[in-house]
Amino acid sequence: MLLRRALDGLYLVSAGLAGLSLFGIFIVMMAQVFLRQGNIQLPGADDFTAYLCVATTFFALAYTFKRGELIRVGLFIDKAGPALRRWIEVAVLGLAAALVTYIVYWTFSDAMFSREIEEVAQGSVPFLIWIPKLAIPLGSGILLVAILDELVSVLRGQKPSYVIAAEERAARGDFSAEV
């Protein structure tokens, strides 16, 4: 129970960071609008906006995954019986965990290499690039935790939370996430 609350809190904090990043994009863009009225440029606005877009995307992944909002192709698995479906879920979650582990490892290595060589952004504001690069392995790492969380649930014989969320939406007549 405590672990469940901690994991759900982690996913919520990650979603909050995505929301703050999105709000940061809004602030930068509004600052640009107002400063343009006085013929003033906001240095580094494009760079900051680009890195905030990346942070928004990667920090939202785990929360979105757990809520069943990521794109999922269920043509085959939806027709499978419960036992086969469970093993397909295990295989797919295992593959996803392996791929996301690879992403976390290499993007973290890239960020640390940028830190080591003191790489700076090439735009008009030379900030250390490893800091915004960390959003990718951090967000991906939280997604990895969410995938492993679902894998353990499926191995225990439970339905994945993304399936439960999709079923609850369908029961309410909400098919907005379905394609």
N, C-alpha and C. Protein backbone atom coordinates (compact mmCIF):
# COMPACT_ATOMS: atom_id res chain seq x y z
N MET A 1 0.83 -1.19 0.00
CA MET A 1 0.00 0.00 0.00
C MET A 1 0.88 1.26 0.00
N LEU A 2 1.89 1.27 0.84
CA LEU A 2 2.79 2.42 0.90
C LEU A 2 3.57 2.55 -0.42
N LEU A 3 4.02 1.40 -0.94
CA LEU A 3 4.75 1.42 -2.21
C LEU A 3 3.84 1.90 -3.35
N ARG A 4 2.58 1.44 -3.35
CA ARG A 4 1.61 1.86 -4.38
C ARG A 4 1.42 3.37 -4.34
N ARG A 5 1.26 3.93 -3.13
CA ARG A 5 1.08 5.39 -3.01
C ARG A 5 2.34 6.12 -3.44
N ALA A 6 3.51 5.58 -3.12
CA ALA A 6 4.77 6.22 -3.51
C ALA A 6 4.92 6.22 -5.04
N LEU A 7 4.61 5.09 -5.67
CA LEU A 7 4.72 5.02 -7.13
C LEU A 7 3.72 5.95 -7.80
N ASP A 8 2.48 5.93 -7.34
CA ASP A 8 1.47 6.83 -7.91
C ASP A 8 1.87 8.28 -7.69
N GLY A 9 2.47 8.57 -6.54
CA GLY A 9 2.97 9.93 -6.28
C GLY A 9 4.09 10.31 -7.23
N LEU A 10 4.98 9.35 -7.52
CA LEU A 10 6.07 9.60 -8.48
C LEU A 10 5.51 9.94 -9.85
N TYR A 11 4.51 9.19 -10.30
CA TYR A 11 3.91 9.45 -11.60
C TYR A 11 3.22 10.82 -11.61
N LEU A 12 2.59 11.15 -10.51
CA LEU A 12 1.91 12.44 -10.42
C LEU A 12 2.91 13.60 -10.39
N VAL A 13 4.00 13.44 -9.67
CA VAL A 13 5.05 14.47 -9.64
C VAL A 13 5.63 14.66 -11.04
N SER A 14 5.85 13.55 -11.73
CA SER A 14 6.37 13.64 -13.09
C SER A 14 5.40 14.39 -14.00
N ALA A 15 4.11 14.09 -13.87
CA ALA A 15 3.10 14.82 -14.64
C ALA A 15 3.10 16.30 -14.25
N GLY A 16 3.31 16.58 -12.97
CA GLY A 16 3.40 17.97 -12.52
C GLY A 16 4.58 18.69 -13.15
N LEU A 17 5.71 18.01 -13.26
CA LEU A 17 6.88 18.60 -13.92
C LEU A 17 6.59 18.86 -15.39
N ALA A 18 5.84 17.95 -16.02
CA ALA A 18 5.44 18.17 -17.42
C ALA A 18 4.56 19.41 -17.51
N GLY A 19 3.64 19.54 -16.56
CA GLY A 19 2.76 20.72 -16.54
C GLY A 19 3.53 22.00 -16.31
N LEU A 20 4.51 21.97 -15.41
CA LEU A 20 5.35 23.15 -15.18
C LEU A 20 6.16 23.50 -16.41
N SER A 21 6.66 22.49 -17.10
CA SER A 21 7.41 22.73 -18.34
C SER A 21 6.51 23.37 -19.39
N LEU A 22 5.29 22.88 -19.49
CA LEU A 22 4.33 23.45 -20.44
C LEU A 22 4.00 24.90 -20.06
N PHE A 23 3.85 25.14 -18.77
CA PHE A 23 3.61 26.50 -18.31
C PHE A 23 4.82 27.39 -18.61
N GLY A 24 6.03 26.83 -18.49
CA GLY A 24 7.24 27.57 -18.83
C GLY A 24 7.24 27.99 -20.30
N ILE A 25 6.77 27.10 -21.18
CA ILE A 25 6.66 27.44 -22.60
C ILE A 25 5.72 28.63 -22.76
N PHE A 26 4.59 28.57 -22.07
CA PHE A 26 3.62 29.67 -22.12
C PHE A 26 4.27 30.98 -21.67
N ILE A 27 5.00 30.95 -20.57
CA ILE A 27 5.65 32.16 -20.03
C ILE A 27 6.64 32.73 -21.05
N VAL A 28 7.47 31.87 -21.62
CA VAL A 28 8.46 32.33 -22.61
C VAL A 28 7.76 32.94 -23.82
N MET A 29 6.72 32.27 -24.29
CA MET A 29 6.03 32.78 -25.48
C MET A 29 5.31 34.10 -25.19
N MET A 30 4.70 34.21 -24.03
CA MET A 30 4.02 35.47 -23.68
C MET A 30 5.04 36.60 -23.49
N ALA A 31 6.18 36.27 -22.91
CA ALA A 31 7.24 37.28 -22.76
C ALA A 31 7.69 37.76 -24.14
N GLN A 32 7.81 36.84 -25.08
CA GLN A 32 8.19 37.23 -26.45
C GLN A 32 7.14 38.17 -27.05
N VAL A 33 5.88 37.84 -26.86
CA VAL A 33 4.80 38.67 -27.42
C VAL A 33 4.88 40.08 -26.86
N PHE A 34 4.99 40.19 -25.55
CA PHE A 34 5.00 41.52 -24.93
C PHE A 34 6.28 42.29 -25.26
N LEU A 35 7.41 41.60 -25.29
CA LEU A 35 8.66 42.29 -25.59
C LEU A 35 8.73 42.75 -27.05
N ARG A 36 8.08 42.03 -27.94
CA ARG A 36 8.07 42.44 -29.35
C ARG A 36 7.35 43.76 -29.54
N GLN A 37 6.42 44.06 -28.65
CA GLN A 37 5.70 45.34 -28.74
C GLN A 37 6.67 46.51 -28.60
N GLY A 38 7.75 46.28 -27.88
CA GLY A 38 8.78 47.32 -27.72
C GLY A 38 10.00 47.07 -28.57
N ASN A 39 9.87 46.22 -29.60
CA ASN A 39 10.98 45.87 -30.49
C ASN A 39 12.17 45.28 -29.72
N ILE A 40 11.87 44.47 -28.71
CA ILE A 40 12.91 43.84 -27.90
C ILE A 40 12.85 42.33 -28.12
N GLN A 41 14.00 41.73 -28.36
CA GLN A 41 14.10 40.28 -28.53
C GLN A 41 14.37 39.63 -27.17
N LEU A 42 13.81 38.47 -26.96
CA LEU A 42 14.11 37.68 -25.76
C LEU A 42 15.20 36.68 -26.12
N PRO A 43 16.43 36.93 -25.67
CA PRO A 43 17.54 36.04 -26.04
C PRO A 43 17.31 34.61 -25.55
N GLY A 44 17.56 33.66 -26.41
CA GLY A 44 17.47 32.25 -26.06
C GLY A 44 16.06 31.69 -25.98
N ALA A 45 15.07 32.47 -26.37
CA ALA A 45 13.67 32.02 -26.24
C ALA A 45 13.43 30.73 -27.03
N ASP A 46 13.95 30.64 -28.23
CA ASP A 46 13.75 29.43 -29.03
C ASP A 46 14.40 28.21 -28.38
N ASP A 47 15.60 28.38 -27.85
CA ASP A 47 16.29 27.28 -27.18
C ASP A 47 15.53 26.83 -25.93
N PHE A 48 15.12 27.79 -25.11
CA PHE A 48 14.39 27.45 -23.89
C PHE A 48 13.09 26.75 -24.21
N THR A 49 12.37 27.24 -25.21
CA THR A 49 11.11 26.63 -25.61
C THR A 49 11.33 25.21 -26.11
N ALA A 50 12.36 24.99 -26.90
CA ALA A 50 12.64 23.65 -27.42
C ALA A 50 12.93 22.67 -26.29
N TYR A 51 13.77 23.07 -25.33
CA TYR A 51 14.09 22.16 -24.23
C TYR A 51 12.90 21.96 -23.29
N LEU A 52 12.07 22.96 -23.15
CA LEU A 52 10.86 22.79 -22.34
C LEU A 52 9.87 21.86 -23.03
N CYS A 53 9.83 21.88 -24.36
CA CYS A 53 8.98 20.93 -25.10
C CYS A 53 9.44 19.50 -24.84
N VAL A 54 10.73 19.29 -24.86
CA VAL A 54 11.28 17.96 -24.60
C VAL A 54 10.94 17.53 -23.16
N ALA A 55 11.13 18.44 -22.21
CA ALA A 55 10.82 18.12 -20.82
C ALA A 55 9.34 17.80 -20.65
N THR A 56 8.48 18.58 -21.30
CA THR A 56 7.04 18.33 -21.22
C THR A 56 6.72 16.93 -21.72
N THR A 57 7.28 16.57 -22.83
CA THR A 57 7.01 15.26 -23.43
C THR A 57 7.49 14.12 -22.54
N PHE A 58 8.73 14.16 -22.11
CA PHE A 58 9.29 13.03 -21.38
C PHE A 58 8.76 12.92 -19.95
N PHE A 59 8.49 14.04 -19.30
CA PHE A 59 7.94 13.94 -17.95
C PHE A 59 6.48 13.50 -17.94
N ALA A 60 5.78 13.64 -19.06
CA ALA A 60 4.38 13.22 -19.13
C ALA A 60 4.23 11.73 -19.47
N LEU A 61 5.29 11.07 -19.90
CA LEU A 61 5.17 9.70 -20.40
C LEU A 61 4.60 8.70 -19.39
N ALA A 62 5.14 8.66 -18.19
CA ALA A 62 4.72 7.64 -17.21
C ALA A 62 3.26 7.81 -16.82
N TYR A 63 2.86 9.03 -16.52
CA TYR A 63 1.48 9.30 -16.13
C TYR A 63 0.52 8.96 -17.27
N THR A 64 0.89 9.34 -18.45
CA THR A 64 0.07 9.05 -19.63
C THR A 64 -0.03 7.55 -19.86
N PHE A 65 1.07 6.85 -19.71
CA PHE A 65 1.09 5.39 -19.87
C PHE A 65 0.16 4.72 -18.87
N LYS A 66 0.27 5.10 -17.60
CA LYS A 66 -0.53 4.47 -16.55
C LYS A 66 -2.03 4.72 -16.75
N ARG A 67 -2.38 5.83 -17.35
CA ARG A 67 -3.79 6.16 -17.58
C ARG A 67 -4.33 5.59 -18.90
N GLY A 68 -3.48 4.86 -19.61
CA GLY A 68 -3.92 4.24 -20.86
C GLY A 68 -4.12 5.22 -21.98
N GLU A 69 -3.39 6.32 -21.96
CA GLU A 69 -3.56 7.37 -22.97
C GLU A 69 -2.52 7.30 -24.09
N LEU A 70 -1.52 6.43 -23.96
CA LEU A 70 -0.54 6.29 -25.04
C LEU A 70 -1.15 5.44 -26.15
N ILE A 71 -0.67 5.61 -27.34
CA ILE A 71 -1.18 4.85 -28.49
C ILE A 71 -0.85 3.38 -28.29
N ARG A 72 -1.87 2.56 -28.47
CA ARG A 72 -1.72 1.12 -28.27
C ARG A 72 -2.51 0.43 -29.37
N VAL A 73 -1.86 -0.46 -30.06
CA VAL A 73 -2.52 -1.20 -31.13
C VAL A 73 -2.96 -2.55 -30.55
N GLY A 74 -4.26 -2.74 -30.46
CA GLY A 74 -4.77 -3.94 -29.83
C GLY A 74 -5.49 -4.87 -30.78
N LEU A 75 -5.20 -4.79 -32.06
CA LEU A 75 -5.90 -5.63 -33.04
C LEU A 75 -5.79 -7.12 -32.71
N PHE A 76 -4.61 -7.56 -32.34
CA PHE A 76 -4.39 -8.98 -32.06
C PHE A 76 -4.72 -9.31 -30.62
N ILE A 77 -4.21 -8.52 -29.70
CA ILE A 77 -4.35 -8.84 -28.28
C ILE A 77 -5.81 -8.76 -27.81
N ASP A 78 -6.60 -7.89 -28.42
CA ASP A 78 -8.01 -7.77 -28.02
C ASP A 78 -8.81 -9.02 -28.37
N LYS A 79 -8.35 -9.78 -29.33
CA LYS A 79 -9.04 -11.00 -29.75
C LYS A 79 -8.54 -12.24 -29.02
N ALA A 80 -7.44 -12.11 -28.28
CA ALA A 80 -6.86 -13.25 -27.58
C ALA A 80 -7.65 -13.56 -26.30
N GLY A 81 -7.60 -14.80 -25.90
CA GLY A 81 -8.22 -15.22 -24.65
C GLY A 81 -7.42 -14.68 -23.47
N PRO A 82 -7.97 -14.77 -22.27
CA PRO A 82 -7.30 -14.20 -21.08
C PRO A 82 -5.89 -14.73 -20.83
N ALA A 83 -5.68 -16.03 -20.98
CA ALA A 83 -4.35 -16.60 -20.71
C ALA A 83 -3.33 -16.13 -21.73
N LEU A 84 -3.70 -16.20 -23.01
CA LEU A 84 -2.78 -15.75 -24.06
C LEU A 84 -2.54 -14.25 -23.95
N ARG A 85 -3.59 -13.51 -23.66
CA ARG A 85 -3.47 -12.06 -23.52
C ARG A 85 -2.47 -11.70 -22.42
N ARG A 86 -2.54 -12.43 -21.32
CA ARG A 86 -1.62 -12.17 -20.20
C ARG A 86 -0.17 -12.35 -20.64
N TRP A 87 0.12 -13.42 -21.37
CA TRP A 87 1.49 -13.67 -21.80
C TRP A 87 1.95 -12.70 -22.88
N ILE A 88 1.02 -12.25 -23.69
CA ILE A 88 1.37 -11.22 -24.67
C ILE A 88 1.71 -9.92 -23.93
N GLU A 89 0.90 -9.59 -22.94
CA GLU A 89 1.18 -8.38 -22.13
C GLU A 89 2.55 -8.48 -21.48
N VAL A 90 2.87 -9.64 -20.92
CA VAL A 90 4.18 -9.85 -20.28
C VAL A 90 5.30 -9.65 -21.29
N ALA A 91 5.15 -10.25 -22.48
CA ALA A 91 6.19 -10.13 -23.51
C ALA A 91 6.36 -8.68 -23.96
N VAL A 92 5.24 -8.01 -24.20
CA VAL A 92 5.31 -6.63 -24.69
C VAL A 92 5.88 -5.70 -23.61
N LEU A 93 5.44 -5.88 -22.37
CA LEU A 93 5.97 -5.05 -21.28
C LEU A 93 7.46 -5.33 -21.06
N GLY A 94 7.87 -6.59 -21.19
CA GLY A 94 9.30 -6.93 -21.07
C GLY A 94 10.12 -6.28 -22.16
N LEU A 95 9.61 -6.32 -23.39
CA LEU A 95 10.30 -5.67 -24.52
C LEU A 95 10.35 -4.16 -24.30
N ALA A 96 9.24 -3.58 -23.87
CA ALA A 96 9.21 -2.13 -23.60
C ALA A 96 10.21 -1.77 -22.52
N ALA A 97 10.29 -2.58 -21.47
CA ALA A 97 11.25 -2.32 -20.39
C ALA A 97 12.69 -2.36 -20.92
N ALA A 98 12.98 -3.33 -21.77
CA ALA A 98 14.33 -3.43 -22.33
C ALA A 98 14.66 -2.21 -23.20
N LEU A 99 13.72 -1.81 -24.04
CA LEU A 99 13.96 -0.66 -24.92
C LEU A 99 14.10 0.64 -24.13
N VAL A 100 13.25 0.83 -23.13
CA VAL A 100 13.32 2.06 -22.35
C VAL A 100 14.58 2.08 -21.49
N THR A 101 15.01 0.91 -21.00
CA THR A 101 16.29 0.84 -20.27
C THR A 101 17.43 1.30 -21.16
N TYR A 102 17.43 0.86 -22.41
CA TYR A 102 18.44 1.26 -23.39
C TYR A 102 18.41 2.78 -23.57
N ILE A 103 17.21 3.34 -23.71
CA ILE A 103 17.07 4.79 -23.88
C ILE A 103 17.59 5.53 -22.66
N VAL A 104 17.22 5.08 -21.47
CA VAL A 104 17.68 5.73 -20.23
C VAL A 104 19.20 5.70 -20.16
N TYR A 105 19.78 4.55 -20.42
CA TYR A 105 21.23 4.41 -20.32
C TYR A 105 21.95 5.37 -21.27
N TRP A 106 21.57 5.37 -22.54
CA TRP A 106 22.30 6.17 -23.51
C TRP A 106 22.02 7.67 -23.39
N THR A 107 20.80 8.04 -23.05
CA THR A 107 20.53 9.48 -22.90
C THR A 107 21.18 10.03 -21.63
N PHE A 108 21.25 9.20 -20.58
CA PHE A 108 21.96 9.64 -19.38
C PHE A 108 23.46 9.76 -19.67
N SER A 109 24.00 8.78 -20.40
CA SER A 109 25.42 8.84 -20.78
C SER A 109 25.70 10.09 -21.60
N ASP A 110 24.80 10.42 -22.52
CA ASP A 110 24.97 11.62 -23.34
C ASP A 110 24.95 12.88 -22.49
N ALA A 111 24.02 12.95 -21.54
CA ALA A 111 23.95 14.13 -20.67
C ALA A 111 25.21 14.26 -19.83
N MET A 112 25.72 13.14 -19.31
CA MET A 112 26.93 13.19 -18.49
C MET A 112 28.17 13.52 -19.33
N PHE A 113 28.18 13.07 -20.58
CA PHE A 113 29.28 13.45 -21.47
C PHE A 113 29.24 14.95 -21.73
N SER A 114 28.04 15.49 -21.95
CA SER A 114 27.90 16.94 -22.15
C SER A 114 28.38 17.69 -20.92
N ARG A 115 28.11 17.14 -19.75
CA ARG A 115 28.57 17.76 -18.49
C ARG A 115 30.10 17.71 -18.41
N GLU A 116 30.64 16.56 -18.76
CA GLU A 116 32.09 16.36 -18.69
C GLU A 116 32.84 17.34 -19.59
N ILE A 117 32.34 17.56 -20.80
CA ILE A 117 33.04 18.45 -21.74
C ILE A 117 32.56 19.90 -21.62
N GLU A 118 31.66 20.13 -20.65
CA GLU A 118 31.11 21.47 -20.41
C GLU A 118 30.49 22.07 -21.66
N GLU A 119 29.69 21.25 -22.34
CA GLU A 119 29.02 21.68 -23.57
C GLU A 119 27.99 22.76 -23.25
N VAL A 120 27.99 23.78 -24.09
CA VAL A 120 27.01 24.87 -23.92
C VAL A 120 26.16 24.97 -25.17
N ALA A 121 24.96 25.52 -25.01
CA ALA A 121 24.04 25.71 -26.12
C ALA A 121 24.66 26.66 -27.13
N GLN A 122 24.35 26.44 -28.40
CA GLN A 122 24.93 27.24 -29.47
C GLN A 122 24.10 28.48 -29.78
N GLY A 123 23.01 28.68 -29.07
CA GLY A 123 22.14 29.83 -29.33
C GLY A 123 22.71 31.11 -28.75
N SER A 124 21.85 32.10 -28.61
CA SER A 124 22.30 33.41 -28.13
C SER A 124 22.57 33.44 -26.63
N VAL A 125 22.07 32.43 -25.89
CA VAL A 125 22.35 32.32 -24.46
C VAL A 125 23.10 31.01 -24.24
N PRO A 126 24.39 31.10 -23.92
CA PRO A 126 25.20 29.88 -23.78
C PRO A 126 25.03 29.21 -22.40
N PHE A 127 23.96 28.42 -22.22
CA PHE A 127 23.77 27.72 -20.95
C PHE A 127 24.27 26.29 -21.08
N LEU A 128 24.60 25.70 -19.94
CA LEU A 128 25.10 24.32 -19.93
C LEU A 128 24.00 23.38 -20.42
N ILE A 129 24.30 22.65 -21.45
CA ILE A 129 23.29 21.85 -22.14
C ILE A 129 22.93 20.56 -21.41
N TRP A 130 23.80 20.08 -20.53
CA TRP A 130 23.51 18.82 -19.85
C TRP A 130 22.31 18.95 -18.92
N ILE A 131 22.04 20.14 -18.45
CA ILE A 131 20.92 20.33 -17.52
C ILE A 131 19.58 20.04 -18.21
N PRO A 132 19.26 20.68 -19.34
CA PRO A 132 18.00 20.32 -19.99
C PRO A 132 18.01 18.92 -20.59
N LYS A 133 19.20 18.41 -20.93
CA LYS A 133 19.28 17.05 -21.47
C LYS A 133 18.85 16.00 -20.44
N LEU A 134 18.96 16.32 -19.16
CA LEU A 134 18.60 15.37 -18.12
C LEU A 134 17.11 15.04 -18.11
N ALA A 135 16.29 15.89 -18.70
CA ALA A 135 14.85 15.61 -18.73
C ALA A 135 14.55 14.31 -19.46
N ILE A 136 15.35 13.97 -20.45
CA ILE A 136 15.09 12.76 -21.23
C ILE A 136 15.34 11.50 -20.40
N PRO A 137 16.53 11.31 -19.80
CA PRO A 137 16.69 10.09 -19.01
C PRO A 137 15.84 10.08 -17.73
N LEU A 138 15.57 11.24 -17.14
CA LEU A 138 14.72 11.25 -15.95
C LEU A 138 13.28 10.86 -16.29
N GLY A 139 12.72 11.48 -17.32
CA GLY A 139 11.36 11.13 -17.73
C GLY A 139 11.27 9.69 -18.21
N SER A 140 12.27 9.25 -18.97
CA SER A 140 12.29 7.87 -19.45
C SER A 140 12.47 6.90 -18.29
N GLY A 141 13.26 7.29 -17.30
CA GLY A 141 13.46 6.45 -16.12
C GLY A 141 12.17 6.26 -15.34
N ILE A 142 11.39 7.32 -15.22
CA ILE A 142 10.10 7.21 -14.54
C ILE A 142 9.15 6.35 -15.37
N LEU A 143 9.20 6.48 -16.70
CA LEU A 143 8.42 5.59 -17.55
C LEU A 143 8.85 4.14 -17.35
N LEU A 144 10.14 3.89 -17.22
CA LEU A 144 10.63 2.54 -16.99
C LEU A 144 10.06 1.97 -15.69
N VAL A 145 10.03 2.79 -14.65
CA VAL A 145 9.44 2.35 -13.38
C VAL A 145 7.97 1.99 -13.59
N ALA A 146 7.24 2.81 -14.36
CA ALA A 146 5.83 2.54 -14.62
C ALA A 146 5.64 1.24 -15.42
N ILE A 147 6.51 1.01 -16.38
CA ILE A 147 6.43 -0.23 -17.17
C ILE A 147 6.70 -1.44 -16.28
N LEU A 148 7.72 -1.35 -15.44
CA LEU A 148 8.03 -2.46 -14.53
C LEU A 148 6.90 -2.66 -13.52
N ASP A 149 6.30 -1.58 -13.08
CA ASP A 149 5.14 -1.63 -12.18
C ASP A 149 4.01 -2.43 -12.84
N GLU A 150 3.73 -2.15 -14.10
CA GLU A 150 2.69 -2.87 -14.83
C GLU A 150 3.09 -4.32 -15.07
N LEU A 151 4.35 -4.55 -15.37
CA LEU A 151 4.83 -5.92 -15.59
C LEU A 151 4.62 -6.78 -14.35
N VAL A 152 4.95 -6.24 -13.19
CA VAL A 152 4.75 -6.97 -11.93
C VAL A 152 3.26 -7.25 -11.72
N SER A 153 2.43 -6.26 -12.00
CA SER A 153 0.98 -6.47 -11.86
C SER A 153 0.47 -7.59 -12.75
N VAL A 154 0.92 -7.59 -14.00
CA VAL A 154 0.48 -8.62 -14.95
C VAL A 154 1.00 -9.99 -14.52
N LEU A 155 2.24 -10.05 -14.06
CA LEU A 155 2.80 -11.32 -13.59
C LEU A 155 2.04 -11.85 -12.37
N ARG A 156 1.47 -10.95 -11.58
CA ARG A 156 0.66 -11.34 -10.42
C ARG A 156 -0.77 -11.74 -10.82
N GLY A 157 -1.07 -11.65 -12.11
CA GLY A 157 -2.39 -12.03 -12.59
C GLY A 157 -3.41 -10.90 -12.59
N GLN A 158 -2.95 -9.68 -12.38
CA GLN A 158 -3.86 -8.54 -12.38
C GLN A 158 -3.94 -7.93 -13.77
N LYS A 159 -5.00 -7.17 -13.99
CA LYS A 159 -5.14 -6.43 -15.24
C LYS A 159 -4.23 -5.20 -15.16
N PRO A 160 -3.59 -4.84 -16.28
CA PRO A 160 -2.80 -3.61 -16.28
C PRO A 160 -3.69 -2.39 -16.06
N SER A 161 -3.15 -1.39 -15.40
CA SER A 161 -3.95 -0.19 -15.10
C SER A 161 -4.38 0.52 -16.39
N TYR A 162 -3.56 0.44 -17.45
CA TYR A 162 -3.95 1.10 -18.70
C TYR A 162 -5.14 0.41 -19.35
N VAL A 163 -5.29 -0.88 -19.14
CA VAL A 163 -6.46 -1.60 -19.65
C VAL A 163 -7.69 -1.24 -18.82
N ILE A 164 -7.52 -1.19 -17.50
CA ILE A 164 -8.63 -0.80 -16.61
C ILE A 164 -9.11 0.61 -16.94
N ALA A 165 -8.16 1.52 -17.15
CA ALA A 165 -8.53 2.91 -17.49
C ALA A 165 -9.30 2.97 -18.80
N ALA A 166 -8.86 2.20 -19.80
CA ALA A 166 -9.55 2.18 -21.10
C ALA A 166 -10.95 1.59 -20.95
N GLU A 167 -11.08 0.55 -20.14
CA GLU A 167 -12.40 -0.05 -19.91
C GLU A 167 -13.33 0.91 -19.19
N GLU A 168 -12.80 1.65 -18.23
CA GLU A 168 -13.62 2.63 -17.50
C GLU A 168 -14.08 3.75 -18.43
N ARG A 169 -13.20 4.20 -19.32
CA ARG A 169 -13.60 5.22 -20.30
C ARG A 169 -14.69 4.70 -21.22
N ALA A 170 -14.53 3.47 -21.68
CA ALA A 170 -15.52 2.87 -22.58
C ALA A 170 -16.87 2.70 -21.86
N ALA A 171 -16.84 2.34 -20.58
CA ALA A 171 -18.09 2.18 -19.82
C ALA A 171 -18.82 3.51 -19.69
N ARG A 172 -18.07 4.59 -19.65
CA ARG A 172 -18.69 5.93 -19.57
C ARG A 172 -19.12 6.44 -20.95
N GLY A 173 -18.78 5.69 -21.99
CA GLY A 173 -19.11 6.13 -23.34
C GLY A 173 -18.10 7.11 -23.91
N ASP A 174 -16.93 7.17 -23.28
CA ASP A 174 -15.87 8.07 -23.73
C ASP A 174 -14.90 7.29 -24.60
N PHE A 175 -14.95 7.52 -25.89
CA PHE A 175 -14.06 6.83 -26.81
C PHE A 175 -13.05 7.80 -27.43
N SER A 176 -12.77 8.89 -26.72
CA SER A 176 -11.87 9.92 -27.24
C SER A 176 -10.44 9.43 -27.38
N ALA A 177 -10.03 8.45 -26.59
CA ALA A 177 -8.66 7.95 -26.68
C ALA A 177 -8.53 6.80 -27.66
N GLU A 178 -9.63 6.31 -28.15
CA GLU A 178 -9.61 5.17 -29.07
C GLU A 178 -9.50 5.68 -30.50
N VAL A 179 -8.78 4.95 -31.30
CA VAL A 179 -8.63 5.33 -32.71
C VAL A 179 -9.31 4.32 -33.58
